[in-house]
Amino acid sequence: GLVQSGGSLTLSCSASGSFFSINAMNWYRQARGKQRELVAAISRT
């Protein structure tokens, strides 16, 4: 959504299907005119 500088947001991402295993879960972002970048990652462990 839209927030002012200094504000907060929480994003969520839910998988509708099932997985046997998940090795990594990540958040990427892509700003206008820029390459997609890895923002945060959490490993299997």
All heavy atoms as atom14 arrays in JSON, in Angstrom:
{
  "sequence": "GLVQSGGSLTLSCSASGSFFSINAMNWYRQARGKQRELVAAISRT",
  "atom14_mask": [
    [1, 1, 1, 1, 0, 0, 0, 0, 0, 0, 0, 0, 0, 0],
    [1, 1, 1, 1, 1, 1, 1, 1, 0, 0, 0, 0, 0, 0],
    [1, 1, 1, 1, 1, 1, 1, 0, 0, 0, 0, 0, 0, 0],
    [1, 1, 1, 1, 1, 1, 1, 1, 1, 0, 0, 0, 0, 0],
    [1, 1, 1, 1, 1, 1, 0, 0, 0, 0, 0, 0, 0, 0],
    [1, 1, 1, 1, 0, 0, 0, 0, 0, 0, 0, 0, 0, 0],
    [1, 1, 1, 1, 0, 0, 0, 0, 0, 0, 0, 0, 0, 0],
    [1, 1, 1, 1, 1, 1, 0, 0, 0, 0, 0, 0, 0, 0],
    [1, 1, 1, 1, 1, 1, 1, 1, 0, 0, 0, 0, 0, 0],
    [1, 1, 1, 1, 1, 1, 1, 0, 0, 0, 0, 0, 0, 0],
    [1, 1, 1, 1, 1, 1, 1, 1, 0, 0, 0, 0, 0, 0],
    [1, 1, 1, 1, 1, 1, 0, 0, 0, 0, 0, 0, 0, 0],
    [1, 1, 1, 1, 1, 1, 0, 0, 0, 0, 0, 0, 0, 0],
    [1, 1, 1, 1, 1, 1, 0, 0, 0, 0, 0, 0, 0, 0],
    [1, 1, 1, 1, 1, 0, 0, 0, 0, 0, 0, 0, 0, 0],
    [1, 1, 1, 1, 1, 1, 0, 0, 0, 0, 0, 0, 0, 0],
    [1, 1, 1, 1, 0, 0, 0, 0, 0, 0, 0, 0, 0, 0],
    [1, 1, 1, 1, 1, 1, 0, 0, 0, 0, 0, 0, 0, 0],
    [1, 1, 1, 1, 1, 1, 1, 1, 1, 1, 1, 0, 0, 0],
    [1, 1, 1, 1, 1, 1, 1, 1, 1, 1, 1, 0, 0, 0],
    [1, 1, 1, 1, 1, 1, 0, 0, 0, 0, 0, 0, 0, 0],
    [1, 1, 1, 1, 1, 1, 1, 1, 0, 0, 0, 0, 0, 0],
    [1, 1, 1, 1, 1, 1, 1, 1, 0, 0, 0, 0, 0, 0],
    [1, 1, 1, 1, 1, 0, 0, 0, 0, 0, 0, 0, 0, 0],
    [1, 1, 1, 1, 1, 1, 1, 1, 0, 0, 0, 0, 0, 0],
    [1, 1, 1, 1, 1, 1, 1, 1, 0, 0, 0, 0, 0, 0],
    [1, 1, 1, 1, 1, 1, 1, 1, 1, 1, 1, 1, 1, 1],
    [1, 1, 1, 1, 1, 1, 1, 1, 1, 1, 1, 1, 0, 0],
    [1, 1, 1, 1, 1, 1, 1, 1, 1, 1, 1, 0, 0, 0],
    [1, 1, 1, 1, 1, 1, 1, 1, 1, 0, 0, 0, 0, 0],
    [1, 1, 1, 1, 1, 0, 0, 0, 0, 0, 0, 0, 0, 0],
    [1, 1, 1, 1, 1, 1, 1, 1, 1, 1, 1, 0, 0, 0],
    [1, 1, 1, 1, 0, 0, 0, 0, 0, 0, 0, 0, 0, 0],
    [1, 1, 1, 1, 1, 1, 1, 1, 1, 0, 0, 0, 0, 0],
    [1, 1, 1, 1, 1, 1, 1, 1, 1, 0, 0, 0, 0, 0],
    [1, 1, 1, 1, 1, 1, 1, 1, 1, 1, 1, 0, 0, 0],
    [1, 1, 1, 1, 1, 1, 1, 1, 1, 0, 0, 0, 0, 0],
    [1, 1, 1, 1, 1, 1, 1, 1, 0, 0, 0, 0, 0, 0],
    [1, 1, 1, 1, 1, 1, 1, 0, 0, 0, 0, 0, 0, 0],
    [1, 1, 1, 1, 1, 0, 0, 0, 0, 0, 0, 0, 0, 0],
    [1, 1, 1, 1, 1, 0, 0, 0, 0, 0, 0, 0, 0, 0],
    [1, 1, 1, 1, 1, 1, 1, 1, 0, 0, 0, 0, 0, 0],
    [1, 1, 1, 1, 1, 1, 0, 0, 0, 0, 0, 0, 0, 0],
    [1, 1, 1, 1, 1, 1, 1, 1, 1, 1, 1, 0, 0, 0],
    [1, 1, 1, 1, 1, 1, 1, 0, 0, 0, 0, 0, 0, 0]
  ],
  "atom14_positions": [
    [[0.81, -1.2, 0.0], [0.0, 0.0, 0.0], [0.84, 1.25, 0.0], [2.04, 1.22, -0.28], [0.0, 0.0, 0.0], [0.0, 0.0, 0.0], [0.0, 0.0, 0.0], [0.0, 0.0, 0.0], [0.0, 0.0, 0.0], [0.0, 0.0, 0.0], [0.0, 0.0, 0.0], [0.0, 0.0, 0.0], [0.0, 0.0, 0.0], [0.0, 0.0, 0.0]],
    [[0.19, 2.35, 0.32], [0.82, 3.66, 0.36], [0.97, 4.11, 1.81], [0.0, 4.13, 2.57], [-0.03, 4.67, -0.42], [0.38, 6.13, -0.36], [1.74, 6.33, -1.0], [-0.67, 7.01, -1.03], [0.0, 0.0, 0.0], [0.0, 0.0, 0.0], [0.0, 0.0, 0.0], [0.0, 0.0, 0.0], [0.0, 0.0, 0.0], [0.0, 0.0, 0.0]],
    [[2.18, 4.47, 2.17], [2.45, 4.96, 3.52], [3.37, 6.17, 3.45], [4.07, 6.37, 2.45], [3.08, 3.89, 4.43], [2.14, 2.71, 4.62], [4.41, 3.42, 3.86], [0.0, 0.0, 0.0], [0.0, 0.0, 0.0], [0.0, 0.0, 0.0], [0.0, 0.0, 0.0], [0.0, 0.0, 0.0], [0.0, 0.0, 0.0], [0.0, 0.0, 0.0]],
    [[3.38, 6.94, 4.51], [4.29, 8.06, 4.61], [5.65, 7.6, 5.11], [5.78, 6.56, 5.77], [3.74, 9.14, 5.53], [2.53, 9.87, 4.98], [2.12, 11.03, 5.86], [2.35, 11.03, 7.06], [1.5, 12.03, 5.25], [0.0, 0.0, 0.0], [0.0, 0.0, 0.0], [0.0, 0.0, 0.0], [0.0, 0.0, 0.0], [0.0, 0.0, 0.0]],
    [[6.65, 8.38, 4.8], [7.98, 8.1, 5.3], [7.96, 7.95, 6.81], [7.34, 8.74, 7.52], [8.94, 9.22, 4.9], [10.24, 8.97, 5.36], [0.0, 0.0, 0.0], [0.0, 0.0, 0.0], [0.0, 0.0, 0.0], [0.0, 0.0, 0.0], [0.0, 0.0, 0.0], [0.0, 0.0, 0.0], [0.0, 0.0, 0.0], [0.0, 0.0, 0.0]],
    [[8.64, 6.91, 7.29], [8.66, 6.61, 8.71], [7.59, 5.64, 9.16], [7.64, 5.16, 10.3], [0.0, 0.0, 0.0], [0.0, 0.0, 0.0], [0.0, 0.0, 0.0], [0.0, 0.0, 0.0], [0.0, 0.0, 0.0], [0.0, 0.0, 0.0], [0.0, 0.0, 0.0], [0.0, 0.0, 0.0], [0.0, 0.0, 0.0], [0.0, 0.0, 0.0]],
    [[6.67, 5.32, 8.28], [5.6, 4.41, 8.61], [6.01, 2.96, 8.5], [7.17, 2.63, 8.2], [0.0, 0.0, 0.0], [0.0, 0.0, 0.0], [0.0, 0.0, 0.0], [0.0, 0.0, 0.0], [0.0, 0.0, 0.0], [0.0, 0.0, 0.0], [0.0, 0.0, 0.0], [0.0, 0.0, 0.0], [0.0, 0.0, 0.0], [0.0, 0.0, 0.0]],
    [[5.04, 2.09, 8.74], [5.29, 0.65, 8.74], [4.25, -0.08, 7.92], [3.11, 0.35, 7.79], [5.26, 0.1, 10.17], [6.27, 0.66, 10.98], [0.0, 0.0, 0.0], [0.0, 0.0, 0.0], [0.0, 0.0, 0.0], [0.0, 0.0, 0.0], [0.0, 0.0, 0.0], [0.0, 0.0, 0.0], [0.0, 0.0, 0.0], [0.0, 0.0, 0.0]],
    [[4.67, -1.2, 7.37], [3.79, -2.12, 6.68], [4.26, -3.53, 6.96], [5.45, -3.76, 7.19], [3.79, -1.9, 5.17], [3.05, -0.7, 4.58], [3.35, -0.6, 3.09], [1.56, -0.81, 4.83], [0.0, 0.0, 0.0], [0.0, 0.0, 0.0], [0.0, 0.0, 0.0], [0.0, 0.0, 0.0], [0.0, 0.0, 0.0], [0.0, 0.0, 0.0]],
    [[3.33, -4.47, 6.91], [3.66, -5.88, 7.0], [3.12, -6.58, 5.77], [1.93, -6.51, 5.47], [3.07, -6.53, 8.26], [3.59, -5.88, 9.42], [3.45, -8.0, 8.32], [0.0, 0.0, 0.0], [0.0, 0.0, 0.0], [0.0, 0.0, 0.0], [0.0, 0.0, 0.0], [0.0, 0.0, 0.0], [0.0, 0.0, 0.0], [0.0, 0.0, 0.0]],
    [[4.01, -7.23, 5.05], [3.63, -8.02, 3.89], [3.51, -9.48, 4.3], [4.26, -9.96, 5.15], [4.66, -7.89, 2.77], [5.03, -6.49, 2.32], [6.03, -6.56, 1.17], [3.8, -5.7, 1.92], [0.0, 0.0, 0.0], [0.0, 0.0, 0.0], [0.0, 0.0, 0.0], [0.0, 0.0, 0.0], [0.0, 0.0, 0.0], [0.0, 0.0, 0.0]],
    [[2.59, -10.17, 3.68], [2.47, -11.6, 3.9], [2.37, -12.31, 2.56], [1.95, -11.74, 1.56], [1.25, -11.94, 4.77], [0.05, -11.58, 4.12], [0.0, 0.0, 0.0], [0.0, 0.0, 0.0], [0.0, 0.0, 0.0], [0.0, 0.0, 0.0], [0.0, 0.0, 0.0], [0.0, 0.0, 0.0], [0.0, 0.0, 0.0], [0.0, 0.0, 0.0]],
    [[2.77, -13.56, 2.58], [2.76, -14.38, 1.37], [2.41, -15.8, 1.78], [3.18, -16.44, 2.5], [4.13, -14.32, 0.69], [4.32, -15.41, -0.73], [0.0, 0.0, 0.0], [0.0, 0.0, 0.0], [0.0, 0.0, 0.0], [0.0, 0.0, 0.0], [0.0, 0.0, 0.0], [0.0, 0.0, 0.0], [0.0, 0.0, 0.0], [0.0, 0.0, 0.0]],
    [[1.28, -16.27, 1.31], [0.81, -17.6, 1.68], [0.75, -18.5, 0.46], [0.28, -18.1, -0.6], [-0.58, -17.52, 2.31], [-0.55, -16.79, 3.51], [0.0, 0.0, 0.0], [0.0, 0.0, 0.0], [0.0, 0.0, 0.0], [0.0, 0.0, 0.0], [0.0, 0.0, 0.0], [0.0, 0.0, 0.0], [0.0, 0.0, 0.0], [0.0, 0.0, 0.0]],
    [[1.21, -19.72, 0.64], [1.17, -20.72, -0.42], [-0.12, -21.51, -0.33], [-0.44, -22.07, 0.71], [2.37, -21.65, -0.32], [0.0, 0.0, 0.0], [0.0, 0.0, 0.0], [0.0, 0.0, 0.0], [0.0, 0.0, 0.0], [0.0, 0.0, 0.0], [0.0, 0.0, 0.0], [0.0, 0.0, 0.0], [0.0, 0.0, 0.0], [0.0, 0.0, 0.0]],
    [[-0.85, -21.54, -1.44], [-2.11, -22.27, -1.45], [-1.92, -23.76, -1.62], [-2.79, -24.54, -1.25], [-3.01, -21.73, -2.57], [-2.4, -21.91, -3.84], [0.0, 0.0, 0.0], [0.0, 0.0, 0.0], [0.0, 0.0, 0.0], [0.0, 0.0, 0.0], [0.0, 0.0, 0.0], [0.0, 0.0, 0.0], [0.0, 0.0, 0.0], [0.0, 0.0, 0.0]],
    [[-0.81, -24.17, -2.17], [-0.51, -25.58, -2.35], [0.43, -26.09, -1.28], [0.86, -25.34, -0.4], [0.0, 0.0, 0.0], [0.0, 0.0, 0.0], [0.0, 0.0, 0.0], [0.0, 0.0, 0.0], [0.0, 0.0, 0.0], [0.0, 0.0, 0.0], [0.0, 0.0, 0.0], [0.0, 0.0, 0.0], [0.0, 0.0, 0.0], [0.0, 0.0, 0.0]],
    [[0.73, -27.35, -1.37], [1.6, -27.98, -0.39], [3.0, -28.18, -0.96], [3.19, -28.27, -2.17], [1.02, -29.32, 0.06], [0.92, -30.23, -1.03], [0.0, 0.0, 0.0], [0.0, 0.0, 0.0], [0.0, 0.0, 0.0], [0.0, 0.0, 0.0], [0.0, 0.0, 0.0], [0.0, 0.0, 0.0], [0.0, 0.0, 0.0], [0.0, 0.0, 0.0]],
    [[3.95, -28.25, -0.06], [5.34, -28.5, -0.42], [5.86, -29.7, 0.35], [5.54, -29.87, 1.54], [6.24, -27.3, -0.1], [6.08, -26.14, -1.03], [5.11, -25.18, -0.81], [6.92, -26.0, -2.12], [4.97, -24.11, -1.67], [6.8, -24.93, -2.98], [5.82, -23.99, -2.77], [0.0, 0.0, 0.0], [0.0, 0.0, 0.0], [0.0, 0.0, 0.0]],
    [[6.68, -30.48, -0.31], [7.41, -31.53, 0.39], [8.5, -30.91, 1.27], [8.71, -31.34, 2.4], [8.0, -32.53, -0.6], [8.88, -33.56, 0.04], [8.33, -34.62, 0.74], [10.26, -33.48, -0.05], [9.12, -35.58, 1.34], [11.07, -34.43, 0.53], [10.49, -35.49, 1.24], [0.0, 0.0, 0.0], [0.0, 0.0, 0.0], [0.0, 0.0, 0.0]],
    [[9.17, -29.92, 0.72], [10.19, -29.22, 1.47], [10.36, -27.82, 0.89], [10.1, -27.6, -0.29], [11.53, -29.95, 1.44], [12.05, -30.03, 0.13], [0.0, 0.0, 0.0], [0.0, 0.0, 0.0], [0.0, 0.0, 0.0], [0.0, 0.0, 0.0], [0.0, 0.0, 0.0], [0.0, 0.0, 0.0], [0.0, 0.0, 0.0], [0.0, 0.0, 0.0]],
    [[10.77, -26.91, 1.73], [11.09, -25.55, 1.32], [12.49, -25.23, 1.82], [12.75, -25.29, 3.02], [10.08, -24.53, 1.87], [8.68, -24.82, 1.34], [10.51, -23.11, 1.5], [7.61, -23.93, 1.94], [0.0, 0.0, 0.0], [0.0, 0.0, 0.0], [0.0, 0.0, 0.0], [0.0, 0.0, 0.0], [0.0, 0.0, 0.0], [0.0, 0.0, 0.0]],
    [[13.37, -24.91, 0.91], [14.75, -24.65, 1.26], [15.03, -23.18, 1.55], [15.97, -22.86, 2.28], [15.69, -25.15, 0.17], [15.73, -26.66, 0.11], [15.78, -27.33, 1.14], [15.71, -27.21, -1.1], [0.0, 0.0, 0.0], [0.0, 0.0, 0.0], [0.0, 0.0, 0.0], [0.0, 0.0, 0.0], [0.0, 0.0, 0.0], [0.0, 0.0, 0.0]],
    [[14.24, -22.31, 0.96], [14.45, -20.89, 1.19], [13.16, -20.14, 0.93], [12.37, -20.51, 0.06], [15.56, -20.34, 0.31], [0.0, 0.0, 0.0], [0.0, 0.0, 0.0], [0.0, 0.0, 0.0], [0.0, 0.0, 0.0], [0.0, 0.0, 0.0], [0.0, 0.0, 0.0], [0.0, 0.0, 0.0], [0.0, 0.0, 0.0], [0.0, 0.0, 0.0]],
    [[12.96, -19.08, 1.67], [11.83, -18.19, 1.48], [12.4, -16.77, 1.48], [13.12, -16.4, 2.4], [10.79, -18.37, 2.58], [10.28, -19.81, 2.7], [9.25, -20.12, 4.16], [7.71, -19.35, 3.65], [0.0, 0.0, 0.0], [0.0, 0.0, 0.0], [0.0, 0.0, 0.0], [0.0, 0.0, 0.0], [0.0, 0.0, 0.0], [0.0, 0.0, 0.0]],
    [[12.06, -16.03, 0.46], [12.71, -14.74, 0.24], [11.71, -13.65, -0.11], [10.61, -13.91, -0.59], [13.72, -14.84, -0.92], [14.67, -16.0, -0.78], [15.38, -16.1, 0.22], [14.69, -16.88, -1.77], [0.0, 0.0, 0.0], [0.0, 0.0, 0.0], [0.0, 0.0, 0.0], [0.0, 0.0, 0.0], [0.0, 0.0, 0.0], [0.0, 0.0, 0.0]],
    [[12.15, -12.44, 0.12], [11.47, -11.26, -0.4], [12.41, -10.51, -1.32], [13.55, -10.22, -0.95], [11.02, -10.32, 0.73], [9.85, -10.82, 1.51], [9.88, -11.45, 2.71], [8.48, -10.72, 1.12], [8.6, -11.75, 3.11], [7.72, -11.32, 2.16], [7.81, -10.2, 0.01], [6.33, -11.39, 2.11], [6.43, -10.28, -0.03], [5.71, -10.87, 1.01]],
    [[11.93, -10.24, -2.51], [12.63, -9.41, -3.48], [11.83, -8.14, -3.71], [10.65, -8.07, -3.4], [12.77, -10.13, -4.82], [13.77, -11.27, -4.86], [13.46, -12.51, -4.34], [15.02, -11.09, -5.46], [14.36, -13.56, -4.39], [15.92, -12.13, -5.52], [15.59, -13.37, -4.99], [16.49, -14.4, -5.05], [0.0, 0.0, 0.0], [0.0, 0.0, 0.0]],
    [[12.49, -7.16, -4.27], [11.78, -5.96, -4.7], [12.4, -5.43, -5.97], [13.57, -5.66, -6.26], [11.77, -4.88, -3.62], [13.11, -4.24, -3.34], [12.99, -3.28, -2.16], [14.26, -2.62, -1.88], [14.47, -1.86, -0.81], [13.5, -1.66, 0.08], [15.66, -1.28, -0.63], [0.0, 0.0, 0.0], [0.0, 0.0, 0.0], [0.0, 0.0, 0.0]],
    [[11.58, -4.73, -6.73], [12.05, -4.12, -7.96], [11.47, -2.72, -8.07], [10.25, -2.55, -8.18], [11.65, -4.96, -9.18], [12.26, -4.47, -10.48], [12.13, -5.48, -11.6], [11.32, -6.41, -11.53], [12.92, -5.32, -12.64], [0.0, 0.0, 0.0], [0.0, 0.0, 0.0], [0.0, 0.0, 0.0], [0.0, 0.0, 0.0], [0.0, 0.0, 0.0]],
    [[12.35, -1.76, -8.0], [11.95, -0.37, -8.16], [11.96, 0.01, -9.63], [12.58, -0.67, -10.46], [12.89, 0.54, -7.37], [0.0, 0.0, 0.0], [0.0, 0.0, 0.0], [0.0, 0.0, 0.0], [0.0, 0.0, 0.0], [0.0, 0.0, 0.0], [0.0, 0.0, 0.0], [0.0, 0.0, 0.0], [0.0, 0.0, 0.0], [0.0, 0.0, 0.0]],
    [[11.3, 1.09, -9.95], [11.24, 1.56, -11.33], [12.63, 1.77, -11.89], [13.46, 2.45, -11.27], [10.46, 2.87, -11.41], [8.97, 2.71, -11.21], [8.3, 4.06, -11.16], [8.6, 4.87, -12.33], [8.34, 6.17, -12.43], [7.78, 6.81, -11.42], [8.64, 6.82, -13.53], [0.0, 0.0, 0.0], [0.0, 0.0, 0.0], [0.0, 0.0, 0.0]],
    [[12.89, 1.18, -13.03], [14.16, 1.36, -13.7], [15.33, 0.63, -13.09], [16.47, 0.85, -13.5], [0.0, 0.0, 0.0], [0.0, 0.0, 0.0], [0.0, 0.0, 0.0], [0.0, 0.0, 0.0], [0.0, 0.0, 0.0], [0.0, 0.0, 0.0], [0.0, 0.0, 0.0], [0.0, 0.0, 0.0], [0.0, 0.0, 0.0], [0.0, 0.0, 0.0]],
    [[15.07, -0.23, -12.12], [16.15, -0.95, -11.46], [15.95, -2.45, -11.56], [14.86, -2.94, -11.85], [16.24, -0.54, -9.98], [16.54, 0.92, -9.74], [16.83, 1.21, -8.28], [18.12, 0.54, -7.84], [18.45, 0.88, -6.42], [0.0, 0.0, 0.0], [0.0, 0.0, 0.0], [0.0, 0.0, 0.0], [0.0, 0.0, 0.0], [0.0, 0.0, 0.0]],
    [[17.02, -3.17, -11.32], [16.97, -4.62, -11.31], [16.3, -5.12, -10.03], [16.32, -4.45, -9.0], [18.38, -5.2, -11.41], [19.1, -4.89, -12.71], [18.44, -5.55, -13.88], [18.25, -6.77, -13.89], [18.1, -4.77, -14.89], [0.0, 0.0, 0.0], [0.0, 0.0, 0.0], [0.0, 0.0, 0.0], [0.0, 0.0, 0.0], [0.0, 0.0, 0.0]],
    [[15.72, -6.3, -10.14], [15.14, -6.92, -8.96], [16.26, -7.27, -7.98], [17.3, -7.82, -8.37], [14.36, -8.17, -9.36], [13.57, -8.79, -8.23], [12.65, -9.89, -8.75], [11.65, -9.36, -9.69], [10.68, -10.08, -10.21], [10.55, -11.37, -9.89], [9.83, -9.52, -11.05], [0.0, 0.0, 0.0], [0.0, 0.0, 0.0], [0.0, 0.0, 0.0]],
    [[16.05, -6.97, -6.72], [17.06, -7.22, -5.72], [16.49, -8.03, -4.57], [15.31, -7.92, -4.22], [17.64, -5.91, -5.18], [16.63, -5.04, -4.44], [17.26, -3.83, -3.78], [18.49, -3.84, -3.53], [16.53, -2.86, -3.5], [0.0, 0.0, 0.0], [0.0, 0.0, 0.0], [0.0, 0.0, 0.0], [0.0, 0.0, 0.0], [0.0, 0.0, 0.0]],
    [[17.34, -8.82, -3.97], [16.97, -9.6, -2.8], [16.97, -8.69, -1.58], [17.98, -8.05, -1.28], [17.94, -10.76, -2.61], [17.7, -11.68, -1.41], [16.35, -12.38, -1.52], [18.83, -12.7, -1.31], [0.0, 0.0, 0.0], [0.0, 0.0, 0.0], [0.0, 0.0, 0.0], [0.0, 0.0, 0.0], [0.0, 0.0, 0.0], [0.0, 0.0, 0.0]],
    [[15.86, -8.66, -0.89], [15.71, -7.81, 0.28], [15.98, -8.57, 1.57], [16.69, -8.09, 2.45], [14.3, -7.19, 0.32], [14.09, -6.38, 1.59], [14.07, -6.31, -0.91], [0.0, 0.0, 0.0], [0.0, 0.0, 0.0], [0.0, 0.0, 0.0], [0.0, 0.0, 0.0], [0.0, 0.0, 0.0], [0.0, 0.0, 0.0], [0.0, 0.0, 0.0]],
    [[15.38, -9.73, 1.69], [15.5, -10.52, 2.9], [15.3, -11.99, 2.56], [14.58, -12.33, 1.63], [14.47, -10.08, 3.95], [0.0, 0.0, 0.0], [0.0, 0.0, 0.0], [0.0, 0.0, 0.0], [0.0, 0.0, 0.0], [0.0, 0.0, 0.0], [0.0, 0.0, 0.0], [0.0, 0.0, 0.0], [0.0, 0.0, 0.0], [0.0, 0.0, 0.0]],
    [[15.95, -12.84, 3.32], [15.88, -14.27, 3.07], [15.88, -15.02, 4.39], [16.48, -14.59, 5.37], [17.07, -14.73, 2.22], [0.0, 0.0, 0.0], [0.0, 0.0, 0.0], [0.0, 0.0, 0.0], [0.0, 0.0, 0.0], [0.0, 0.0, 0.0], [0.0, 0.0, 0.0], [0.0, 0.0, 0.0], [0.0, 0.0, 0.0], [0.0, 0.0, 0.0]],
    [[15.21, -16.15, 4.38], [15.24, -17.06, 5.51], [15.42, -18.47, 4.98], [14.73, -18.9, 4.06], [13.98, -16.92, 6.4], [14.09, -17.8, 7.64], [12.71, -17.19, 5.61], [13.05, -17.45, 8.7], [0.0, 0.0, 0.0], [0.0, 0.0, 0.0], [0.0, 0.0, 0.0], [0.0, 0.0, 0.0], [0.0, 0.0, 0.0], [0.0, 0.0, 0.0]],
    [[16.38, -19.17, 5.53], [16.73, -20.49, 5.03], [15.86, -21.57, 5.66], [15.04, -21.31, 6.55], [18.2, -20.79, 5.32], [18.39, -21.07, 6.7], [0.0, 0.0, 0.0], [0.0, 0.0, 0.0], [0.0, 0.0, 0.0], [0.0, 0.0, 0.0], [0.0, 0.0, 0.0], [0.0, 0.0, 0.0], [0.0, 0.0, 0.0], [0.0, 0.0, 0.0]],
    [[16.07, -22.79, 5.2], [15.35, -23.93, 5.73], [15.56, -24.06, 7.24], [14.65, -24.48, 7.97], [15.81, -25.2, 5.02], [15.22, -26.49, 5.55], [15.77, -27.69, 4.8], [17.22, -27.74, 4.88], [17.9, -28.26, 5.9], [17.25, -28.77, 6.94], [19.22, -28.27, 5.88], [0.0, 0.0, 0.0], [0.0, 0.0, 0.0], [0.0, 0.0, 0.0]],
    [[16.76, -23.71, 7.69], [17.09, -23.82, 9.09], [16.77, -22.57, 9.9], [17.05, -22.53, 11.09], [18.57, -24.17, 9.26], [19.38, -23.17, 8.64], [18.87, -25.53, 8.63], [0.0, 0.0, 0.0], [0.0, 0.0, 0.0], [0.0, 0.0, 0.0], [0.0, 0.0, 0.0], [0.0, 0.0, 0.0], [0.0, 0.0, 0.0], [0.0, 0.0, 0.0]]
  ]
}
